[in-house]
Amino acid sequence: MNGDGLIAAGYNITKPDATFYLFMKSPIEDDVAFVRALQKRRILTVPGRGFGGPGYIRIAFCVDDETITRAMDGFAETLKEYK
């Protein structure tokens, strides 16, 4: 996962140099609330505030590429709710 699908959906992400996660700016200030909105679509992420990044969410991509690809529509739909 390189984040291109999330960028195409309209998200602002921070790509790490070499790791299995990325930080993505939450479209709302409350990163916990946005994580909960994604959970309604069965997308698991973690609030960035737990990693010193309030206002961001952390996405681990240590799952099958197919799982990530299937989640892209849910990411796009959730973002539309907040724009």
C-alpha atoms as a PDB file:
ATOM      1  CA  MET A   1       0.000   0.000   0.000  1.00  0.00           C
ATOM      2  CA  ASN A   2       1.428   3.347  -0.957  1.00  0.00           C
ATOM      3  CA  GLY A   3      -1.536   5.564  -0.121  1.00  0.00           C
ATOM      4  CA  ASP A   4      -2.428   6.482  -3.700  1.00  0.00           C
ATOM      5  CA  GLY A   5      -6.024   5.271  -3.310  1.00  0.00           C
ATOM      6  CA  LEU A   6      -6.499   7.423  -0.214  1.00  0.00           C
ATOM      7  CA  ILE A   7      -4.993  10.441  -1.957  1.00  0.00           C
ATOM      8  CA  ALA A   8      -7.318   9.869  -4.916  1.00  0.00           C
ATOM      9  CA  ALA A   9     -10.272   9.820  -2.496  1.00  0.00           C
ATOM     10  CA  GLY A  10      -9.214  13.226  -1.172  1.00  0.00           C
ATOM     11  CA  TYR A  11      -7.262  12.404   1.977  1.00  0.00           C
ATOM     12  CA  ASN A  12      -4.052  14.108   3.120  1.00  0.00           C
ATOM     13  CA  ILE A  13      -1.555  11.425   4.150  1.00  0.00           C
ATOM     14  CA  THR A  14       1.984  11.270   5.453  1.00  0.00           C
ATOM     15  CA  LYS A  15       3.911   8.456   3.826  1.00  0.00           C
ATOM     16  CA  PRO A  16       6.497   6.804   6.064  1.00  0.00           C
ATOM     17  CA  ASP A  17       9.979   6.042   4.769  1.00  0.00           C
ATOM     18  CA  ALA A  18      10.028   2.361   5.634  1.00  0.00           C
ATOM     19  CA  THR A  19       7.281   0.836   7.747  1.00  0.00           C
ATOM     20  CA  PHE A  20       3.892  -0.865   7.563  1.00  0.00           C
ATOM     21  CA  TYR A  21       1.661   2.054   8.526  1.00  0.00           C
ATOM     22  CA  LEU A  22       0.867   5.599   7.524  1.00  0.00           C
ATOM     23  CA  PHE A  23      -0.636   8.639   9.163  1.00  0.00           C
ATOM     24  CA  MET A  24      -3.601  10.271   7.492  1.00  0.00           C
ATOM     25  CA  LYS A  25      -5.026  13.665   8.436  1.00  0.00           C
ATOM     26  CA  SER A  26      -8.531  13.305   9.786  1.00  0.00           C
ATOM     27  CA  PRO A  27     -11.058  15.506   7.952  1.00  0.00           C
ATOM     28  CA  ILE A  28     -12.381  16.517  11.378  1.00  0.00           C
ATOM     29  CA  GLU A  29     -10.483  17.650  14.449  1.00  0.00           C
ATOM     30  CA  ASP A  30     -11.700  14.710  16.555  1.00  0.00           C
ATOM     31  CA  ASP A  31      -9.640  11.786  15.293  1.00  0.00           C
ATOM     32  CA  VAL A  32     -11.412   9.397  17.699  1.00  0.00           C
ATOM     33  CA  ALA A  33     -14.812  10.290  16.205  1.00  0.00           C
ATOM     34  CA  PHE A  34     -13.490   9.762  12.686  1.00  0.00           C
ATOM     35  CA  VAL A  35     -12.049   6.358  13.627  1.00  0.00           C
ATOM     36  CA  ARG A  36     -15.516   5.437  14.950  1.00  0.00           C
ATOM     37  CA  ALA A  37     -17.113   6.549  11.666  1.00  0.00           C
ATOM     38  CA  LEU A  38     -14.727   4.283   9.745  1.00  0.00           C
ATOM     39  CA  GLN A  39     -15.525   1.399  12.104  1.00  0.00           C
ATOM     40  CA  LYS A  40     -19.168   1.612  10.998  1.00  0.00           C
ATOM     41  CA  ARG A  41     -17.886   0.536   7.578  1.00  0.00           C
ATOM     42  CA  ARG A  42     -15.744  -2.212   9.147  1.00  0.00           C
ATOM     43  CA  ILE A  43     -12.513  -0.278   8.572  1.00  0.00           C
ATOM     44  CA  LEU A  44     -10.138  -0.511  11.510  1.00  0.00           C
ATOM     45  CA  THR A  45      -7.772   2.384  12.157  1.00  0.00           C
ATOM     46  CA  VAL A  46      -6.326   3.955  15.303  1.00  0.00           C
ATOM     47  CA  PRO A  47      -6.585   7.560  16.511  1.00  0.00           C
ATOM     48  CA  GLY A  48      -3.304   9.365  15.919  1.00  0.00           C
ATOM     49  CA  ARG A  49      -3.406  10.983  19.350  1.00  0.00           C
ATOM     50  CA  GLY A  50      -2.267   7.642  20.806  1.00  0.00           C
ATOM     51  CA  PHE A  51       0.945   8.050  18.793  1.00  0.00           C
ATOM     52  CA  GLY A  52       1.491  11.757  19.430  1.00  0.00           C
ATOM     53  CA  GLY A  53      -0.438  12.848  16.338  1.00  0.00           C
ATOM     54  CA  PRO A  54      -3.811  14.306  17.352  1.00  0.00           C
ATOM     55  CA  GLY A  55      -5.975  15.117  14.350  1.00  0.00           C
ATOM     56  CA  TYR A  56      -4.539  12.180  12.401  1.00  0.00           C
ATOM     57  CA  ILE A  57      -5.389   8.517  12.161  1.00  0.00           C
ATOM     58  CA  ARG A  58      -2.935   5.656  11.887  1.00  0.00           C
ATOM     59  CA  ILE A  59      -3.511   2.976   9.285  1.00  0.00           C
ATOM     60  CA  ALA A  60      -1.580  -0.281   9.423  1.00  0.00           C
ATOM     61  CA  PHE A  61      -1.314  -2.074   6.128  1.00  0.00           C
ATOM     62  CA  CYS A  62      -0.063  -5.432   7.322  1.00  0.00           C
ATOM     63  CA  VAL A  63      -3.117  -7.160   5.815  1.00  0.00           C
ATOM     64  CA  ASP A  64      -3.805  -8.589   2.370  1.00  0.00           C
ATOM     65  CA  ASP A  65      -3.734  -6.034  -0.432  1.00  0.00           C
ATOM     66  CA  GLU A  66      -7.255  -7.183  -1.329  1.00  0.00           C
ATOM     67  CA  THR A  67      -8.513  -6.149   2.123  1.00  0.00           C
ATOM     68  CA  ILE A  68      -7.061  -2.682   1.627  1.00  0.00           C
ATOM     69  CA  THR A  69      -8.479  -2.394  -1.887  1.00  0.00           C
ATOM     70  CA  ARG A  70     -11.961  -3.378  -0.664  1.00  0.00           C
ATOM     71  CA  ALA A  71     -11.786  -0.686   2.029  1.00  0.00           C
ATOM     72  CA  MET A  72     -11.174   2.184  -0.437  1.00  0.00           C
ATOM     73  CA  ASP A  73     -14.879   2.720  -1.166  1.00  0.00           C
ATOM     74  CA  GLY A  74     -15.590   2.910   2.566  1.00  0.00           C
ATOM     75  CA  PHE A  75     -12.826   5.452   3.060  1.00  0.00           C
ATOM     76  CA  ALA A  76     -14.224   7.581   0.208  1.00  0.00           C
ATOM     77  CA  GLU A  77     -17.823   7.349   1.468  1.00  0.00           C
ATOM     78  CA  THR A  78     -16.820   8.261   5.017  1.00  0.00           C
ATOM     79  CA  LEU A  79     -14.851  11.267   3.820  1.00  0.00           C
ATOM     80  CA  LYS A  80     -17.854  12.505   1.833  1.00  0.00           C
ATOM     81  CA  GLU A  81     -19.886  12.533   5.051  1.00  0.00           C
ATOM     82  CA  TYR A  82     -17.505  15.077   6.543  1.00  0.00           C
ATOM     83  CA  LYS A  83     -16.889  17.372   3.568  1.00  0.00           C
END
